[in-house]
Amino acid sequence: MLQSELAAVRAERDGLKLQLAINQNHFDWLRMKVNSLEFERAGFLHQLYGVKTPAPVIERQVQVDPAIDPKNFSFDDMGDDMAKTFGLPIYDTKS
């Protein structure tokens, strides 16, 4: 019973991973197409009317874990509580 449920959940997970990859490819293609159309529109406005307008750009945002974000990197001590949450060893320096 549990093995068949596990197999069904794994199959669903694998299907969702594949669909996510397909959707990401479609989004990337659409993002590039919209960006090129915006640059083309800005170029046409400049040619026809001599007006320079900025072309908006859609960028892909990547979620970064704050714990490994290079902007938040520090050599400062993170503290025992945060070390416990990350599963890091705690060194008792009080003794």
PDB file of N, CA and C in Angstrom:
ATOM      1  N   MET A   1       0.830  -1.196   0.000  1.00  0.00           N
ATOM      2  CA  MET A   1       0.000   0.000   0.000  1.00  0.00           C
ATOM      3  C   MET A   1       0.872   1.258   0.000  1.00  0.00           C
ATOM      4  N   LEU A   2       1.807   1.336   0.958  1.00  0.00           N
ATOM      5  CA  LEU A   2       2.653   2.518   1.046  1.00  0.00           C
ATOM      6  C   LEU A   2       3.589   2.625  -0.154  1.00  0.00           C
ATOM      7  N   GLN A   3       4.069   1.479  -0.634  1.00  0.00           N
ATOM      8  CA  GLN A   3       4.969   1.507  -1.784  1.00  0.00           C
ATOM      9  C   GLN A   3       4.263   1.999  -3.032  1.00  0.00           C
ATOM     10  N   SER A   4       3.017   1.603  -3.215  1.00  0.00           N
ATOM     11  CA  SER A   4       2.277   2.066  -4.391  1.00  0.00           C
ATOM     12  C   SER A   4       1.970   3.561  -4.288  1.00  0.00           C
ATOM     13  N   GLU A   5       1.674   4.041  -3.074  1.00  0.00           N
ATOM     14  CA  GLU A   5       1.456   5.476  -2.884  1.00  0.00           C
ATOM     15  C   GLU A   5       2.745   6.252  -3.120  1.00  0.00           C
ATOM     16  N   LEU A   6       3.863   5.716  -2.625  1.00  0.00           N
ATOM     17  CA  LEU A   6       5.154   6.354  -2.839  1.00  0.00           C
ATOM     18  C   LEU A   6       5.495   6.404  -4.323  1.00  0.00           C
ATOM     19  N   ALA A   7       5.236   5.330  -5.034  1.00  0.00           N
ATOM     20  CA  ALA A   7       5.499   5.305  -6.474  1.00  0.00           C
ATOM     21  C   ALA A   7       4.623   6.320  -7.197  1.00  0.00           C
ATOM     22  N   ALA A   8       3.364   6.444  -6.778  1.00  0.00           N
ATOM     23  CA  ALA A   8       2.467   7.412  -7.410  1.00  0.00           C
ATOM     24  C   ALA A   8       2.929   8.842  -7.139  1.00  0.00           C
ATOM     25  N   VAL A   9       3.357   9.113  -5.913  1.00  0.00           N
ATOM     26  CA  VAL A   9       3.832  10.456  -5.566  1.00  0.00           C
ATOM     27  C   VAL A   9       5.119  10.775  -6.322  1.00  0.00           C
ATOM     28  N   ARG A  10       6.021   9.801  -6.436  1.00  0.00           N
ATOM     29  CA  ARG A  10       7.257  10.024  -7.183  1.00  0.00           C
ATOM     30  C   ARG A  10       6.981  10.279  -8.658  1.00  0.00           C
ATOM     31  N   ALA A  11       6.028   9.533  -9.227  1.00  0.00           N
ATOM     32  CA  ALA A  11       5.675   9.745 -10.631  1.00  0.00           C
ATOM     33  C   ALA A  11       5.079  11.136 -10.834  1.00  0.00           C
ATOM     34  N   GLU A  12       4.234  11.551  -9.896  1.00  0.00           N
ATOM     35  CA  GLU A  12       3.655  12.893  -9.984  1.00  0.00           C
ATOM     36  C   GLU A  12       4.735  13.960  -9.850  1.00  0.00           C
ATOM     37  N   ARG A  13       5.682  13.755  -8.915  1.00  0.00           N
ATOM     38  CA  ARG A  13       6.783  14.690  -8.730  1.00  0.00           C
ATOM     39  C   ARG A  13       7.631  14.800  -9.991  1.00  0.00           C
ATOM     40  N   ASP A  14       7.944  13.661 -10.603  1.00  0.00           N
ATOM     41  CA  ASP A  14       8.747  13.678 -11.824  1.00  0.00           C
ATOM     42  C   ASP A  14       8.012  14.371 -12.966  1.00  0.00           C
ATOM     43  N   GLY A  15       6.710  14.153 -13.038  1.00  0.00           N
ATOM     44  CA  GLY A  15       5.912  14.833 -14.052  1.00  0.00           C
ATOM     45  C   GLY A  15       5.885  16.332 -13.845  1.00  0.00           C
ATOM     46  N   LEU A  16       5.784  16.757 -12.587  1.00  0.00           N
ATOM     47  CA  LEU A  16       5.786  18.185 -12.281  1.00  0.00           C
ATOM     48  C   LEU A  16       7.149  18.816 -12.567  1.00  0.00           C
ATOM     49  N   LYS A  17       8.232  18.084 -12.305  1.00  0.00           N
ATOM     50  CA  LYS A  17       9.564  18.601 -12.628  1.00  0.00           C
ATOM     51  C   LYS A  17       9.710  18.810 -14.129  1.00  0.00           C
ATOM     52  N   LEU A  18       9.227  17.846 -14.901  1.00  0.00           N
ATOM     53  CA  LEU A  18       9.293  17.972 -16.356  1.00  0.00           C
ATOM     54  C   LEU A  18       8.447  19.146 -16.835  1.00  0.00           C
ATOM     55  N   GLN A  19       7.254  19.287 -16.287  1.00  0.00           N
ATOM     56  CA  GLN A  19       6.384  20.397 -16.683  1.00  0.00           C
ATOM     57  C   GLN A  19       6.991  21.736 -16.288  1.00  0.00           C
ATOM     58  N   LEU A  20       7.653  21.797 -15.144  1.00  0.00           N
ATOM     59  CA  LEU A  20       8.321  23.026 -14.723  1.00  0.00           C
ATOM     60  C   LEU A  20       9.412  23.410 -15.719  1.00  0.00           C
ATOM     61  N   ALA A  21      10.199  22.433 -16.153  1.00  0.00           N
ATOM     62  CA  ALA A  21      11.255  22.718 -17.130  1.00  0.00           C
ATOM     63  C   ALA A  21      10.673  23.201 -18.451  1.00  0.00           C
ATOM     64  N   ILE A  22       9.589  22.592 -18.882  1.00  0.00           N
ATOM     65  CA  ILE A  22       8.936  23.013 -20.129  1.00  0.00           C
ATOM     66  C   ILE A  22       8.389  24.426 -19.986  1.00  0.00           C
ATOM     67  N   ASN A  23       7.721  24.701 -18.871  1.00  0.00           N
ATOM     68  CA  ASN A  23       7.164  26.035 -18.649  1.00  0.00           C
ATOM     69  C   ASN A  23       8.260  27.090 -18.557  1.00  0.00           C
ATOM     70  N   GLN A  24       9.399  26.728 -17.949  1.00  0.00           N
ATOM     71  CA  GLN A  24      10.506  27.675 -17.845  1.00  0.00           C
ATOM     72  C   GLN A  24      11.063  27.999 -19.224  1.00  0.00           C
ATOM     73  N   ASN A  25      11.166  27.000 -20.088  1.00  0.00           N
ATOM     74  CA  ASN A  25      11.622  27.249 -21.459  1.00  0.00           C
ATOM     75  C   ASN A  25      10.655  28.154 -22.207  1.00  0.00           C
ATOM     76  N   HIS A  26       9.360  27.916 -22.038  1.00  0.00           N
ATOM     77  CA  HIS A  26       8.360  28.773 -22.691  1.00  0.00           C
ATOM     78  C   HIS A  26       8.442  30.201 -22.165  1.00  0.00           C
ATOM     79  N   PHE A  27       8.603  30.341 -20.858  1.00  0.00           N
ATOM     80  CA  PHE A  27       8.711  31.674 -20.274  1.00  0.00           C
ATOM     81  C   PHE A  27       9.950  32.398 -20.777  1.00  0.00           C
ATOM     82  N   ASP A  28      11.080  31.686 -20.854  1.00  0.00           N
ATOM     83  CA  ASP A  28      12.316  32.310 -21.334  1.00  0.00           C
ATOM     84  C   ASP A  28      12.159  32.771 -22.783  1.00  0.00           C
ATOM     85  N   TRP A  29      11.523  31.936 -23.617  1.00  0.00           N
ATOM     86  CA  TRP A  29      11.305  32.326 -25.015  1.00  0.00           C
ATOM     87  C   TRP A  29      10.401  33.565 -25.075  1.00  0.00           C
ATOM     88  N   LEU A  30       9.326  33.562 -24.312  1.00  0.00           N
ATOM     89  CA  LEU A  30       8.397  34.692 -24.311  1.00  0.00           C
ATOM     90  C   LEU A  30       9.064  35.950 -23.778  1.00  0.00           C
ATOM     91  N   ARG A  31       9.879  35.815 -22.749  1.00  0.00           N
ATOM     92  CA  ARG A  31      10.604  36.958 -22.185  1.00  0.00           C
ATOM     93  C   ARG A  31      11.538  37.572 -23.226  1.00  0.00           C
ATOM     94  N   MET A  32      12.266  36.731 -23.942  1.00  0.00           N
ATOM     95  CA  MET A  32      13.184  37.235 -24.973  1.00  0.00           C
ATOM     96  C   MET A  32      12.418  37.894 -26.110  1.00  0.00           C
ATOM     97  N   LYS A  33      11.279  37.325 -26.483  1.00  0.00           N
ATOM     98  CA  LYS A  33      10.467  37.891 -27.571  1.00  0.00           C
ATOM     99  C   LYS A  33       9.917  39.262 -27.179  1.00  0.00           C
ATOM    100  N   VAL A  34       9.394  39.375 -25.954  1.00  0.00           N
ATOM    101  CA  VAL A  34       8.858  40.661 -25.495  1.00  0.00           C
ATOM    102  C   VAL A  34       9.969  41.698 -25.413  1.00  0.00           C
ATOM    103  N   ASN A  35      11.136  41.312 -24.901  1.00  0.00           N
ATOM    104  CA  ASN A  35      12.255  42.251 -24.818  1.00  0.00           C
ATOM    105  C   ASN A  35      12.670  42.742 -26.203  1.00  0.00           C
ATOM    106  N   SER A  36      12.745  41.828 -27.174  1.00  0.00           N
ATOM    107  CA  SER A  36      13.135  42.254 -28.525  1.00  0.00           C
ATOM    108  C   SER A  36      12.073  43.162 -29.140  1.00  0.00           C
ATOM    109  N   LEU A  37      10.807  42.889 -28.876  1.00  0.00           N
ATOM    110  CA  LEU A  37       9.746  43.766 -29.397  1.00  0.00           C
ATOM    111  C   LEU A  37       9.808  45.151 -28.761  1.00  0.00           C
ATOM    112  N   GLU A  38      10.133  45.222 -27.488  1.00  0.00           N
ATOM    113  CA  GLU A  38      10.248  46.518 -26.825  1.00  0.00           C
ATOM    114  C   GLU A  38      11.415  47.324 -27.391  1.00  0.00           C
ATOM    115  N   PHE A  39      12.557  46.656 -27.655  1.00  0.00           N
ATOM    116  CA  PHE A  39      13.687  47.356 -28.262  1.00  0.00           C
ATOM    117  C   PHE A  39      13.344  47.813 -29.680  1.00  0.00           C
ATOM    118  N   GLU A  40      12.619  46.980 -30.400  1.00  0.00           N
ATOM    119  CA  GLU A  40      12.198  47.336 -31.757  1.00  0.00           C
ATOM    120  C   GLU A  40      11.252  48.540 -31.724  1.00  0.00           C
ATOM    121  N   ARG A  41      10.313  48.529 -30.790  1.00  0.00           N
ATOM    122  CA  ARG A  41       9.370  49.644 -30.671  1.00  0.00           C
ATOM    123  C   ARG A  41      10.110  50.938 -30.340  1.00  0.00           C
ATOM    124  N   ALA A  42      11.065  50.863 -29.422  1.00  0.00           N
ATOM    125  CA  ALA A  42      11.834  52.055 -29.058  1.00  0.00           C
ATOM    126  C   ALA A  42      12.637  52.551 -30.265  1.00  0.00           C
ATOM    127  N   GLY A  43      13.173  51.625 -31.061  1.00  0.00           N
ATOM    128  CA  GLY A  43      13.908  52.018 -32.268  1.00  0.00           C
ATOM    129  C   GLY A  43      13.005  52.690 -33.287  1.00  0.00           C
ATOM    130  N   PHE A  44      11.796  52.170 -33.469  1.00  0.00           N
ATOM    131  CA  PHE A  44      10.856  52.780 -34.402  1.00  0.00           C
ATOM    132  C   PHE A  44      10.444  54.176 -33.953  1.00  0.00           C
ATOM    133  N   LEU A  45      10.199  54.334 -32.652  1.00  0.00           N
ATOM    134  CA  LEU A  45       9.847  55.667 -32.145  1.00  0.00           C
ATOM    135  C   LEU A  45      10.979  56.658 -32.381  1.00  0.00           C
ATOM    136  N   HIS A  46      12.195  56.196 -32.235  1.00  0.00           N
ATOM    137  CA  HIS A  46      13.345  57.072 -32.456  1.00  0.00           C
ATOM    138  C   HIS A  46      13.477  57.419 -33.942  1.00  0.00           C
ATOM    139  N   GLN A  47      13.257  56.440 -34.819  1.00  0.00           N
ATOM    140  CA  GLN A  47      13.348  56.700 -36.259  1.00  0.00           C
ATOM    141  C   GLN A  47      12.235  57.618 -36.751  1.00  0.00           C
ATOM    142  N   LEU A  48      11.014  57.375 -36.302  1.00  0.00           N
ATOM    143  CA  LEU A  48       9.879  58.129 -36.818  1.00  0.00           C
ATOM    144  C   LEU A  48       9.766  59.525 -36.214  1.00  0.00           C
ATOM    145  N   TYR A  49       9.949  59.624 -34.916  1.00  0.00           N
ATOM    146  CA  TYR A  49       9.690  60.891 -34.248  1.00  0.00           C
ATOM    147  C   TYR A  49      10.932  61.531 -33.631  1.00  0.00           C
ATOM    148  N   GLY A  50      12.041  60.816 -33.647  1.00  0.00           N
ATOM    149  CA  GLY A  50      13.252  61.350 -33.059  1.00  0.00           C
ATOM    150  C   GLY A  50      13.219  61.365 -31.544  1.00  0.00           C
ATOM    151  N   VAL A  51      12.337  60.580 -30.976  1.00  0.00           N
ATOM    152  CA  VAL A  51      12.191  60.534 -29.523  1.00  0.00           C
ATOM    153  C   VAL A  51      12.884  59.281 -29.007  1.00  0.00           C
ATOM    154  N   LYS A  52      13.843  59.502 -28.109  1.00  0.00           N
ATOM    155  CA  LYS A  52      14.504  58.352 -27.515  1.00  0.00           C
ATOM    156  C   LYS A  52      13.746  57.951 -26.262  1.00  0.00           C
ATOM    157  N   THR A  53      13.226  56.735 -26.266  1.00  0.00           N
ATOM    158  CA  THR A  53      12.516  56.215 -25.096  1.00  0.00           C
ATOM    159  C   THR A  53      13.244  54.978 -24.589  1.00  0.00           C
ATOM    160  N   PRO A  54      13.272  54.810 -23.296  1.00  0.00           N
ATOM    161  CA  PRO A  54      13.898  53.588 -22.780  1.00  0.00           C
ATOM    162  C   PRO A  54      13.018  52.378 -23.070  1.00  0.00           C
ATOM    163  N   ALA A  55      13.643  51.269 -23.335  1.00  0.00           N
ATOM    164  CA  ALA A  55      12.900  50.033 -23.580  1.00  0.00           C
ATOM    165  C   ALA A  55      12.868  49.223 -22.285  1.00  0.00           C
ATOM    166  N   PRO A  56      11.677  48.941 -21.789  1.00  0.00           N
ATOM    167  CA  PRO A  56      11.610  48.112 -20.581  1.00  0.00           C
ATOM    168  C   PRO A  56      12.104  46.702 -20.872  1.00  0.00           C
ATOM    169  N   VAL A  57      12.724  46.110 -19.897  1.00  0.00           N
ATOM    170  CA  VAL A  57      13.292  44.779 -20.059  1.00  0.00           C
ATOM    171  C   VAL A  57      12.755  43.872 -18.964  1.00  0.00           C
ATOM    172  N   ILE A  58      12.301  42.708 -19.359  1.00  0.00           N
ATOM    173  CA  ILE A  58      11.862  41.710 -18.398  1.00  0.00           C
ATOM    174  C   ILE A  58      13.060  40.815 -18.109  1.00  0.00           C
ATOM    175  N   GLU A  59      13.430  40.724 -16.842  1.00  0.00           N
ATOM    176  CA  GLU A  59      14.564  39.901 -16.448  1.00  0.00           C
ATOM    177  C   GLU A  59      14.085  38.731 -15.611  1.00  0.00           C
ATOM    178  N   ARG A  60      14.833  37.668 -15.688  1.00  0.00           N
ATOM    179  CA  ARG A  60      14.509  36.490 -14.891  1.00  0.00           C
ATOM    180  C   ARG A  60      15.100  36.661 -13.501  1.00  0.00           C
ATOM    181  N   GLN A  61      14.260  36.552 -12.499  1.00  0.00           N
ATOM    182  CA  GLN A  61      14.688  36.672 -11.113  1.00  0.00           C
ATOM    183  C   GLN A  61      14.976  35.278 -10.577  1.00  0.00           C
ATOM    184  N   VAL A  62      16.123  35.109  -9.982  1.00  0.00           N
ATOM    185  CA  VAL A  62      16.480  33.832  -9.385  1.00  0.00           C
ATOM    186  C   VAL A  62      16.458  33.997  -7.878  1.00  0.00           C
ATOM    187  N   GLN A  63      15.701  33.139  -7.230  1.00  0.00           N
ATOM    188  CA  GLN A  63      15.620  33.194  -5.777  1.00  0.00           C
ATOM    189  C   GLN A  63      16.909  32.636  -5.190  1.00  0.00           C
ATOM    190  N   VAL A  64      17.513  33.392  -4.308  1.00  0.00           N
ATOM    191  CA  VAL A  64      18.760  32.979  -3.679  1.00  0.00           C
ATOM    192  C   VAL A  64      18.503  32.783  -2.196  1.00  0.00           C
ATOM    193  N   ASP A  65      19.013  31.702  -1.674  1.00  0.00           N
ATOM    194  CA  ASP A  65      18.902  31.454  -0.234  1.00  0.00           C
ATOM    195  C   ASP A  65      19.714  32.518   0.490  1.00  0.00           C
ATOM    196  N   PRO A  66      19.115  33.267   1.417  1.00  0.00           N
ATOM    197  CA  PRO A  66      19.861  34.330   2.103  1.00  0.00           C
ATOM    198  C   PRO A  66      21.096  33.818   2.826  1.00  0.00           C
ATOM    199  N   ALA A  67      21.093  32.548   3.197  1.00  0.00           N
ATOM    200  CA  ALA A  67      22.243  32.011   3.920  1.00  0.00           C
ATOM    201  C   ALA A  67      23.468  31.895   3.021  1.00  0.00           C
ATOM    202  N   ILE A  68      23.256  31.725   1.692  1.00  0.00           N
ATOM    203  CA  ILE A  68      24.394  31.569   0.784  1.00  0.00           C
ATOM    204  C   ILE A  68      24.503  32.725  -0.198  1.00  0.00           C
ATOM    205  N   ASP A  69      23.738  33.780   0.027  1.00  0.00           N
ATOM    206  CA  ASP A  69      23.796  34.944  -0.857  1.00  0.00           C
ATOM    207  C   ASP A  69      25.138  35.647  -0.670  1.00  0.00           C
ATOM    208  N   PRO A  70      25.915  35.841  -1.754  1.00  0.00           N
ATOM    209  CA  PRO A  70      27.230  36.476  -1.603  1.00  0.00           C
ATOM    210  C   PRO A  70      27.154  37.894  -1.041  1.00  0.00           C
ATOM    211  N   LYS A  71      26.047  38.602  -1.256  1.00  0.00           N
ATOM    212  CA  LYS A  71      25.928  39.959  -0.720  1.00  0.00           C
ATOM    213  C   LYS A  71      25.825  39.944   0.801  1.00  0.00           C
ATOM    214  N   ASN A  72      25.306  38.842   1.352  1.00  0.00           N
ATOM    215  CA  ASN A  72      25.145  38.749   2.795  1.00  0.00           C
ATOM    216  C   ASN A  72      26.301  38.017   3.467  1.00  0.00           C
ATOM    217  N   PHE A  73      27.334  37.675   2.701  1.00  0.00           N
ATOM    218  CA  PHE A  73      28.446  36.914   3.252  1.00  0.00           C
ATOM    219  C   PHE A  73      29.226  37.751   4.255  1.00  0.00           C
ATOM    220  N   SER A  74      29.589  37.115   5.346  1.00  0.00           N
ATOM    221  CA  SER A  74      30.335  37.816   6.381  1.00  0.00           C
ATOM    222  C   SER A  74      31.183  36.812   7.134  1.00  0.00           C
ATOM    223  N   PHE A  75      32.313  37.273   7.638  1.00  0.00           N
ATOM    224  CA  PHE A  75      33.143  36.440   8.482  1.00  0.00           C
ATOM    225  C   PHE A  75      32.755  36.579   9.952  1.00  0.00           C
ATOM    226  N   ASP A  76      31.745  37.375  10.238  1.00  0.00           N
ATOM    227  CA  ASP A  76      31.308  37.544  11.618  1.00  0.00           C
ATOM    228  C   ASP A  76      30.679  36.248  12.128  1.00  0.00           C
ATOM    229  N   ASP A  77      30.731  36.065  13.439  1.00  0.00           N
ATOM    230  CA  ASP A  77      30.156  34.881  14.066  1.00  0.00           C
ATOM    231  C   ASP A  77      28.639  34.929  13.911  1.00  0.00           C
ATOM    232  N   MET A  78      28.066  33.835  13.422  1.00  0.00           N
ATOM    233  CA  MET A  78      26.622  33.799  13.218  1.00  0.00           C
ATOM    234  C   MET A  78      25.858  33.541  14.489  1.00  0.00           C
ATOM    235  N   GLY A  79      26.516  33.045  15.509  1.00  0.00           N
ATOM    236  CA  GLY A  79      25.839  32.769  16.769  1.00  0.00           C
ATOM    237  C   GLY A  79      25.426  31.316  16.868  1.00  0.00           C
ATOM    238  N   ASP A  80      25.259  30.877  18.095  1.00  0.00           N
ATOM    239  CA  ASP A  80      24.942  29.473  18.338  1.00  0.00           C
ATOM    240  C   ASP A  80      23.573  29.081  17.799  1.00  0.00           C
ATOM    241  N   ASP A  81      22.599  29.978  17.943  1.00  0.00           N
ATOM    242  CA  ASP A  81      21.240  29.643  17.506  1.00  0.00           C
ATOM    243  C   ASP A  81      21.179  29.419  15.998  1.00  0.00           C
ATOM    244  N   MET A  82      21.797  30.300  15.230  1.00  0.00           N
ATOM    245  CA  MET A  82      21.775  30.142  13.782  1.00  0.00           C
ATOM    246  C   MET A  82      22.602  28.928  13.362  1.00  0.00           C
ATOM    247  N   ALA A  83      23.695  28.675  14.059  1.00  0.00           N
ATOM    248  CA  ALA A  83      24.517  27.499  13.747  1.00  0.00           C
ATOM    249  C   ALA A  83      23.714  26.221  13.963  1.00  0.00           C
ATOM    250  N   LYS A  84      22.899  26.201  15.020  1.00  0.00           N
ATOM    251  CA  LYS A  84      22.053  25.026  15.269  1.00  0.00           C
ATOM    252  C   LYS A  84      21.048  24.835  14.140  1.00  0.00           C
ATOM    253  N   THR A  85      20.460  25.934  13.646  1.00  0.00           N
ATOM    254  CA  THR A  85      19.462  25.797  12.581  1.00  0.00           C
ATOM    255  C   THR A  85      20.084  25.279  11.297  1.00  0.00           C
ATOM    256  N   PHE A  86      21.361  25.587  11.054  1.00  0.00           N
ATOM    257  CA  PHE A  86      22.035  25.097   9.854  1.00  0.00           C
ATOM    258  C   PHE A  86      22.693  23.745  10.074  1.00  0.00           C
ATOM    259  N   GLY A  87      22.627  23.220  11.304  1.00  0.00           N
ATOM    260  CA  GLY A  87      23.219  21.938  11.590  1.00  0.00           C
ATOM    261  C   GLY A  87      24.732  21.980  11.711  1.00  0.00           C
ATOM    262  N   LEU A  88      25.270  23.143  12.005  1.00  0.00           N
ATOM    263  CA  LEU A  88      26.711  23.288  12.149  1.00  0.00           C
ATOM    264  C   LEU A  88      27.128  22.983  13.583  1.00  0.00           C
ATOM    265  N   PRO A  89      28.365  22.564  13.779  1.00  0.00           N
ATOM    266  CA  PRO A  89      28.813  22.285  15.150  1.00  0.00           C
ATOM    267  C   PRO A  89      28.946  23.569  15.948  1.00  0.00           C
ATOM    268  N   ILE A  90      28.759  23.449  17.235  1.00  0.00           N
ATOM    269  CA  ILE A  90      28.861  24.583  18.147  1.00  0.00           C
ATOM    270  C   ILE A  90      30.060  24.346  19.039  1.00  0.00           C
ATOM    271  N   TYR A  91      30.962  25.299  19.047  1.00  0.00           N
ATOM    272  CA  TYR A  91      32.179  25.201  19.829  1.00  0.00           C
ATOM    273  C   TYR A  91      32.040  26.076  21.060  1.00  0.00           C
ATOM    274  N   ASP A  92      32.095  25.458  22.200  1.00  0.00           N
ATOM    275  CA  ASP A  92      31.949  26.179  23.458  1.00  0.00           C
ATOM    276  C   ASP A  92      33.290  26.821  23.805  1.00  0.00           C
ATOM    277  N   THR A  93      33.359  28.144  23.717  1.00  0.00           N
ATOM    278  CA  THR A  93      34.603  28.854  24.004  1.00  0.00           C
ATOM    279  C   THR A  93      34.560  29.527  25.370  1.00  0.00           C
ATOM    280  N   LYS A  94      33.491  29.297  26.136  1.00  0.00           N
ATOM    281  CA  LYS A  94      33.343  29.971  27.426  1.00  0.00           C
ATOM    282  C   LYS A  94      34.191  29.317  28.510  1.00  0.00           C
ATOM    283  N   SER A  95      34.592  28.074  28.308  1.00  0.00           N
ATOM    284  CA  SER A  95      35.367  27.401  29.360  1.00  0.00           C
ATOM    285  C   SER A  95      36.849  27.453  29.113  1.00  0.00           C
TER     286      SER A  95
END
